Amino acid sequence: MQPGPMALWKKMWLLFTVIWVLVAGLNAMTIIAFSEGVERDKAVQPIVFGVLVPVVVYAVLWLWARFSRKK
């Protein structure tokens, strides 16, 4: 049995996640490449946001899709 087609919100979330992680990774790598010493610790924030934001967006969209379907 084949699974059904992927929901539109999942496709949009996947596109958003790829772009978000790429930009966050480039931001972190730029900070690491051009800073010295203590300044390199600033690269942690884009890495954390690069992971957490897509997870939160997925959870919100999943809840929205779940509750809007029950009507």
PDB file of N, CA and C in Angstrom:
ATOM      1  N   MET A   1       0.838  -1.189   0.000  1.00  0.00           N
ATOM      2  CA  MET A   1       0.000   0.000   0.000  1.00  0.00           C
ATOM      3  C   MET A   1       0.879   1.247   0.000  1.00  0.00           C
ATOM      4  N   GLN A   2       0.609   2.139  -0.905  1.00  0.00           N
ATOM      5  CA  GLN A   2       1.380   3.371  -1.019  1.00  0.00           C
ATOM      6  C   GLN A   2       0.798   4.461  -0.131  1.00  0.00           C
ATOM      7  N   PRO A   3       1.669   5.220   0.543  1.00  0.00           N
ATOM      8  CA  PRO A   3       1.136   6.339   1.326  1.00  0.00           C
ATOM      9  C   PRO A   3       0.588   7.425   0.409  1.00  0.00           C
ATOM     10  N   GLY A   4      -0.334   8.216   0.936  1.00  0.00           N
ATOM     11  CA  GLY A   4      -0.935   9.292   0.152  1.00  0.00           C
ATOM     12  C   GLY A   4       0.060  10.411  -0.109  1.00  0.00           C
ATOM     13  N   PRO A   5      -0.336  11.368  -0.916  1.00  0.00           N
ATOM     14  CA  PRO A   5       0.559  12.487  -1.211  1.00  0.00           C
ATOM     15  C   PRO A   5       0.820  13.326   0.044  1.00  0.00           C
ATOM     16  N   MET A   6       1.978  13.943   0.068  1.00  0.00           N
ATOM     17  CA  MET A   6       2.365  14.767   1.214  1.00  0.00           C
ATOM     18  C   MET A   6       1.503  16.034   1.244  1.00  0.00           C
ATOM     19  N   ALA A   7       1.092  16.418   2.437  1.00  0.00           N
ATOM     20  CA  ALA A   7       0.262  17.610   2.606  1.00  0.00           C
ATOM     21  C   ALA A   7       1.054  18.859   2.202  1.00  0.00           C
ATOM     22  N   LEU A   8       0.330  19.851   1.725  1.00  0.00           N
ATOM     23  CA  LEU A   8       0.975  21.082   1.273  1.00  0.00           C
ATOM     24  C   LEU A   8       1.760  21.756   2.392  1.00  0.00           C
ATOM     25  N   TRP A   9       1.221  21.759   3.620  1.00  0.00           N
ATOM     26  CA  TRP A   9       1.924  22.430   4.713  1.00  0.00           C
ATOM     27  C   TRP A   9       3.241  21.733   5.026  1.00  0.00           C
ATOM     28  N   LYS A  10       3.303  20.425   4.809  1.00  0.00           N
ATOM     29  CA  LYS A  10       4.555  19.702   5.050  1.00  0.00           C
ATOM     30  C   LYS A  10       5.591  20.047   3.979  1.00  0.00           C
ATOM     31  N   LYS A  11       5.132  20.210   2.741  1.00  0.00           N
ATOM     32  CA  LYS A  11       6.050  20.597   1.671  1.00  0.00           C
ATOM     33  C   LYS A  11       6.612  21.993   1.922  1.00  0.00           C
ATOM     34  N   MET A  12       5.727  22.910   2.337  1.00  0.00           N
ATOM     35  CA  MET A  12       6.178  24.274   2.628  1.00  0.00           C
ATOM     36  C   MET A  12       7.111  24.300   3.830  1.00  0.00           C
ATOM     37  N   TRP A  13       6.812  23.486   4.837  1.00  0.00           N
ATOM     38  CA  TRP A  13       7.676  23.413   6.013  1.00  0.00           C
ATOM     39  C   TRP A  13       9.047  22.872   5.626  1.00  0.00           C
ATOM     40  N   LEU A  14       9.075  21.868   4.759  1.00  0.00           N
ATOM     41  CA  LEU A  14      10.349  21.300   4.324  1.00  0.00           C
ATOM     42  C   LEU A  14      11.182  22.338   3.572  1.00  0.00           C
ATOM     43  N   LEU A  15      10.557  23.085   2.687  1.00  0.00           N
ATOM     44  CA  LEU A  15      11.253  24.147   1.961  1.00  0.00           C
ATOM     45  C   LEU A  15      11.768  25.210   2.928  1.00  0.00           C
ATOM     46  N   PHE A  16      10.928  25.650   3.857  1.00  0.00           N
ATOM     47  CA  PHE A  16      11.329  26.632   4.862  1.00  0.00           C
ATOM     48  C   PHE A  16      12.505  26.118   5.684  1.00  0.00           C
ATOM     49  N   THR A  17      12.456  24.848   6.092  1.00  0.00           N
ATOM     50  CA  THR A  17      13.507  24.276   6.930  1.00  0.00           C
ATOM     51  C   THR A  17      14.838  24.231   6.203  1.00  0.00           C
ATOM     52  N   VAL A  18      14.833  23.828   4.956  1.00  0.00           N
ATOM     53  CA  VAL A  18      16.082  23.770   4.192  1.00  0.00           C
ATOM     54  C   VAL A  18      16.693  25.162   4.076  1.00  0.00           C
ATOM     55  N   ILE A  19      15.891  26.145   3.736  1.00  0.00           N
ATOM     56  CA  ILE A  19      16.402  27.506   3.606  1.00  0.00           C
ATOM     57  C   ILE A  19      16.869  28.031   4.958  1.00  0.00           C
ATOM     58  N   TRP A  20      16.075  27.806   6.007  1.00  0.00           N
ATOM     59  CA  TRP A  20      16.403  28.310   7.345  1.00  0.00           C
ATOM     60  C   TRP A  20      17.717  27.712   7.855  1.00  0.00           C
ATOM     61  N   VAL A  21      17.880  26.401   7.729  1.00  0.00           N
ATOM     62  CA  VAL A  21      19.093  25.731   8.220  1.00  0.00           C
ATOM     63  C   VAL A  21      20.303  26.173   7.404  1.00  0.00           C
ATOM     64  N   LEU A  22      20.150  26.336   6.110  1.00  0.00           N
ATOM     65  CA  LEU A  22      21.247  26.794   5.271  1.00  0.00           C
ATOM     66  C   LEU A  22      21.703  28.202   5.673  1.00  0.00           C
ATOM     67  N   VAL A  23      20.770  29.102   5.845  1.00  0.00           N
ATOM     68  CA  VAL A  23      21.115  30.474   6.224  1.00  0.00           C
ATOM     69  C   VAL A  23      21.709  30.517   7.632  1.00  0.00           C
ATOM     70  N   ALA A  24      21.150  29.769   8.567  1.00  0.00           N
ATOM     71  CA  ALA A  24      21.688  29.732   9.928  1.00  0.00           C
ATOM     72  C   ALA A  24      23.088  29.133   9.936  1.00  0.00           C
ATOM     73  N   GLY A  25      23.296  28.100   9.153  1.00  0.00           N
ATOM     74  CA  GLY A  25      24.631  27.494   9.063  1.00  0.00           C
ATOM     75  C   GLY A  25      25.647  28.440   8.456  1.00  0.00           C
ATOM     76  N   LEU A  26      25.259  29.141   7.409  1.00  0.00           N
ATOM     77  CA  LEU A  26      26.170  30.128   6.807  1.00  0.00           C
ATOM     78  C   LEU A  26      26.481  31.256   7.783  1.00  0.00           C
ATOM     79  N   ASN A  27      25.488  31.682   8.538  1.00  0.00           N
ATOM     80  CA  ASN A  27      25.691  32.724   9.539  1.00  0.00           C
ATOM     81  C   ASN A  27      26.685  32.254  10.602  1.00  0.00           C
ATOM     82  N   ALA A  28      26.498  31.042  11.106  1.00  0.00           N
ATOM     83  CA  ALA A  28      27.394  30.507  12.132  1.00  0.00           C
ATOM     84  C   ALA A  28      28.818  30.335  11.582  1.00  0.00           C
ATOM     85  N   MET A  29      28.932  29.825  10.368  1.00  0.00           N
ATOM     86  CA  MET A  29      30.263  29.635   9.780  1.00  0.00           C
ATOM     87  C   MET A  29      30.960  30.975   9.538  1.00  0.00           C
ATOM     88  N   THR A  30      30.211  31.988   9.162  1.00  0.00           N
ATOM     89  CA  THR A  30      30.795  33.316   8.973  1.00  0.00           C
ATOM     90  C   THR A  30      31.311  33.868  10.292  1.00  0.00           C
ATOM     91  N   ILE A  31      30.536  33.689  11.358  1.00  0.00           N
ATOM     92  CA  ILE A  31      30.975  34.165  12.675  1.00  0.00           C
ATOM     93  C   ILE A  31      32.243  33.436  13.095  1.00  0.00           C
ATOM     94  N   ILE A  32      32.273  32.124  12.903  1.00  0.00           N
ATOM     95  CA  ILE A  32      33.454  31.348  13.288  1.00  0.00           C
ATOM     96  C   ILE A  32      34.670  31.725  12.443  1.00  0.00           C
ATOM     97  N   ALA A  33      34.472  31.942  11.154  1.00  0.00           N
ATOM     98  CA  ALA A  33      35.588  32.218  10.253  1.00  0.00           C
ATOM     99  C   ALA A  33      36.217  33.586  10.487  1.00  0.00           C
ATOM    100  N   PHE A  34      35.407  34.585  10.836  1.00  0.00           N
ATOM    101  CA  PHE A  34      35.919  35.944  10.898  1.00  0.00           C
ATOM    102  C   PHE A  34      36.022  36.520  12.305  1.00  0.00           C
ATOM    103  N   SER A  35      35.855  35.712  13.325  1.00  0.00           N
ATOM    104  CA  SER A  35      35.974  36.234  14.684  1.00  0.00           C
ATOM    105  C   SER A  35      37.082  35.495  15.428  1.00  0.00           C
ATOM    106  N   GLU A  36      37.494  36.102  16.503  1.00  0.00           N
ATOM    107  CA  GLU A  36      38.580  35.526  17.293  1.00  0.00           C
ATOM    108  C   GLU A  36      38.158  35.426  18.752  1.00  0.00           C
ATOM    109  N   GLY A  37      38.652  34.412  19.417  1.00  0.00           N
ATOM    110  CA  GLY A  37      38.462  34.282  20.856  1.00  0.00           C
ATOM    111  C   GLY A  37      37.023  34.181  21.293  1.00  0.00           C
ATOM    112  N   VAL A  38      36.649  35.071  22.206  1.00  0.00           N
ATOM    113  CA  VAL A  38      35.318  35.056  22.828  1.00  0.00           C
ATOM    114  C   VAL A  38      34.220  35.309  21.796  1.00  0.00           C
ATOM    115  N   GLU A  39      34.533  36.031  20.760  1.00  0.00           N
ATOM    116  CA  GLU A  39      33.530  36.343  19.731  1.00  0.00           C
ATOM    117  C   GLU A  39      32.983  35.077  19.058  1.00  0.00           C
ATOM    118  N   ARG A  40      33.756  33.993  19.054  1.00  0.00           N
ATOM    119  CA  ARG A  40      33.293  32.754  18.414  1.00  0.00           C
ATOM    120  C   ARG A  40      32.112  32.138  19.141  1.00  0.00           C
ATOM    121  N   ASP A  41      31.938  32.486  20.415  1.00  0.00           N
ATOM    122  CA  ASP A  41      30.796  31.956  21.167  1.00  0.00           C
ATOM    123  C   ASP A  41      29.464  32.477  20.634  1.00  0.00           C
ATOM    124  N   LYS A  42      29.511  33.555  19.891  1.00  0.00           N
ATOM    125  CA  LYS A  42      28.284  34.103  19.303  1.00  0.00           C
ATOM    126  C   LYS A  42      27.716  33.192  18.222  1.00  0.00           C
ATOM    127  N   ALA A  43      28.491  32.231  17.745  1.00  0.00           N
ATOM    128  CA  ALA A  43      28.018  31.314  16.705  1.00  0.00           C
ATOM    129  C   ALA A  43      27.034  30.296  17.251  1.00  0.00           C
ATOM    130  N   VAL A  44      26.964  30.156  18.559  1.00  0.00           N
ATOM    131  CA  VAL A  44      26.049  29.173  19.154  1.00  0.00           C
ATOM    132  C   VAL A  44      24.592  29.579  18.924  1.00  0.00           C
ATOM    133  N   GLN A  45      24.295  30.854  19.016  1.00  0.00           N
ATOM    134  CA  GLN A  45      22.910  31.317  18.875  1.00  0.00           C
ATOM    135  C   GLN A  45      22.310  30.963  17.511  1.00  0.00           C
ATOM    136  N   PRO A  46      22.990  31.245  16.383  1.00  0.00           N
ATOM    137  CA  PRO A  46      22.399  30.843  15.098  1.00  0.00           C
ATOM    138  C   PRO A  46      22.251  29.326  14.955  1.00  0.00           C
ATOM    139  N   ILE A  47      23.149  28.573  15.554  1.00  0.00           N
ATOM    140  CA  ILE A  47      23.040  27.115  15.482  1.00  0.00           C
ATOM    141  C   ILE A  47      21.810  26.635  16.249  1.00  0.00           C
ATOM    142  N   VAL A  48      21.611  27.189  17.447  1.00  0.00           N
ATOM    143  CA  VAL A  48      20.450  26.804  18.257  1.00  0.00           C
ATOM    144  C   VAL A  48      19.153  27.204  17.559  1.00  0.00           C
ATOM    145  N   PHE A  49      19.100  28.440  17.052  1.00  0.00           N
ATOM    146  CA  PHE A  49      17.901  28.874  16.331  1.00  0.00           C
ATOM    147  C   PHE A  49      17.699  28.061  15.055  1.00  0.00           C
ATOM    148  N   GLY A  50      18.780  27.656  14.421  1.00  0.00           N
ATOM    149  CA  GLY A  50      18.685  26.850  13.206  1.00  0.00           C
ATOM    150  C   GLY A  50      18.022  25.510  13.440  1.00  0.00           C
ATOM    151  N   VAL A  51      18.133  24.995  14.666  1.00  0.00           N
ATOM    152  CA  VAL A  51      17.516  23.713  15.000  1.00  0.00           C
ATOM    153  C   VAL A  51      16.124  23.907  15.617  1.00  0.00           C
ATOM    154  N   LEU A  52      15.997  24.863  16.524  1.00  0.00           N
ATOM    155  CA  LEU A  52      14.747  25.006  17.272  1.00  0.00           C
ATOM    156  C   LEU A  52      13.592  25.596  16.467  1.00  0.00           C
ATOM    157  N   VAL A  53      13.860  26.579  15.639  1.00  0.00           N
ATOM    158  CA  VAL A  53      12.776  27.253  14.909  1.00  0.00           C
ATOM    159  C   VAL A  53      12.016  26.285  13.987  1.00  0.00           C
ATOM    160  N   PRO A  54      12.694  25.460  13.180  1.00  0.00           N
ATOM    161  CA  PRO A  54      11.925  24.515  12.361  1.00  0.00           C
ATOM    162  C   PRO A  54      11.092  23.527  13.176  1.00  0.00           C
ATOM    163  N   VAL A  55      11.604  23.103  14.335  1.00  0.00           N
ATOM    164  CA  VAL A  55      10.850  22.186  15.189  1.00  0.00           C
ATOM    165  C   VAL A  55       9.582  22.865  15.708  1.00  0.00           C
ATOM    166  N   VAL A  56       9.713  24.099  16.166  1.00  0.00           N
ATOM    167  CA  VAL A  56       8.560  24.837  16.684  1.00  0.00           C
ATOM    168  C   VAL A  56       7.544  25.104  15.567  1.00  0.00           C
ATOM    169  N   VAL A  57       8.019  25.491  14.400  1.00  0.00           N
ATOM    170  CA  VAL A  57       7.113  25.755  13.271  1.00  0.00           C
ATOM    171  C   VAL A  57       6.371  24.481  12.873  1.00  0.00           C
ATOM    172  N   TYR A  58       7.081  23.347  12.855  1.00  0.00           N
ATOM    173  CA  TYR A  58       6.424  22.080  12.524  1.00  0.00           C
ATOM    174  C   TYR A  58       5.335  21.759  13.542  1.00  0.00           C
ATOM    175  N   ALA A  59       5.641  21.928  14.818  1.00  0.00           N
ATOM    176  CA  ALA A  59       4.661  21.628  15.866  1.00  0.00           C
ATOM    177  C   ALA A  59       3.419  22.511  15.732  1.00  0.00           C
ATOM    178  N   VAL A  60       3.629  23.789  15.474  1.00  0.00           N
ATOM    179  CA  VAL A  60       2.497  24.711  15.327  1.00  0.00           C
ATOM    180  C   VAL A  60       1.657  24.336  14.105  1.00  0.00           C
ATOM    181  N   LEU A  61       2.304  24.058  12.985  1.00  0.00           N
ATOM    182  CA  LEU A  61       1.560  23.689  11.780  1.00  0.00           C
ATOM    183  C   LEU A  61       0.849  22.347  11.941  1.00  0.00           C
ATOM    184  N   TRP A  62       1.475  21.409  12.616  1.00  0.00           N
ATOM    185  CA  TRP A  62       0.860  20.109  12.851  1.00  0.00           C
ATOM    186  C   TRP A  62      -0.393  20.259  13.710  1.00  0.00           C
ATOM    187  N   LEU A  63      -0.289  21.073  14.767  1.00  0.00           N
ATOM    188  CA  LEU A  63      -1.455  21.313  15.626  1.00  0.00           C
ATOM    189  C   LEU A  63      -2.566  22.025  14.862  1.00  0.00           C
ATOM    190  N   TRP A  64      -2.180  23.008  14.058  1.00  0.00           N
ATOM    191  CA  TRP A  64      -3.172  23.743  13.263  1.00  0.00           C
ATOM    192  C   TRP A  64      -3.894  22.797  12.298  1.00  0.00           C
ATOM    193  N   ALA A  65      -3.133  21.960  11.615  1.00  0.00           N
ATOM    194  CA  ALA A  65      -3.740  21.022  10.668  1.00  0.00           C
ATOM    195  C   ALA A  65      -4.632  20.012  11.392  1.00  0.00           C
ATOM    196  N   ARG A  66      -4.217  19.577  12.548  1.00  0.00           N
ATOM    197  CA  ARG A  66      -4.987  18.594  13.311  1.00  0.00           C
ATOM    198  C   ARG A  66      -6.312  19.178  13.793  1.00  0.00           C
ATOM    199  N   PHE A  67      -6.270  20.411  14.341  1.00  0.00           N
ATOM    200  CA  PHE A  67      -7.489  21.007  14.845  1.00  0.00           C
ATOM    201  C   PHE A  67      -8.414  21.520  13.742  1.00  0.00           C
ATOM    202  N   SER A  68      -7.860  21.953  12.637  1.00  0.00           N
ATOM    203  CA  SER A  68      -8.704  22.441  11.548  1.00  0.00           C
ATOM    204  C   SER A  68      -9.375  21.292  10.806  1.00  0.00           C
ATOM    205  N   ARG A  69      -8.844  20.111  10.870  1.00  0.00           N
ATOM    206  CA  ARG A  69      -9.406  18.947  10.194  1.00  0.00           C
ATOM    207  C   ARG A  69     -10.633  18.404  10.929  1.00  0.00           C
ATOM    208  N   LYS A  70     -10.698  18.609  12.229  1.00  0.00           N
ATOM    209  CA  LYS A  70     -11.791  18.042  13.026  1.00  0.00           C
ATOM    210  C   LYS A  70     -13.109  18.782  12.876  1.00  0.00           C
ATOM    211  N   LYS A  71     -13.132  19.924  12.255  1.00  0.00           N
ATOM    212  CA  LYS A  71     -14.375  20.709  12.126  1.00  0.00           C
ATOM    213  C   LYS A  71     -15.335  20.098  11.161  1.00  0.00           C
TER     214      LYS A  71
END
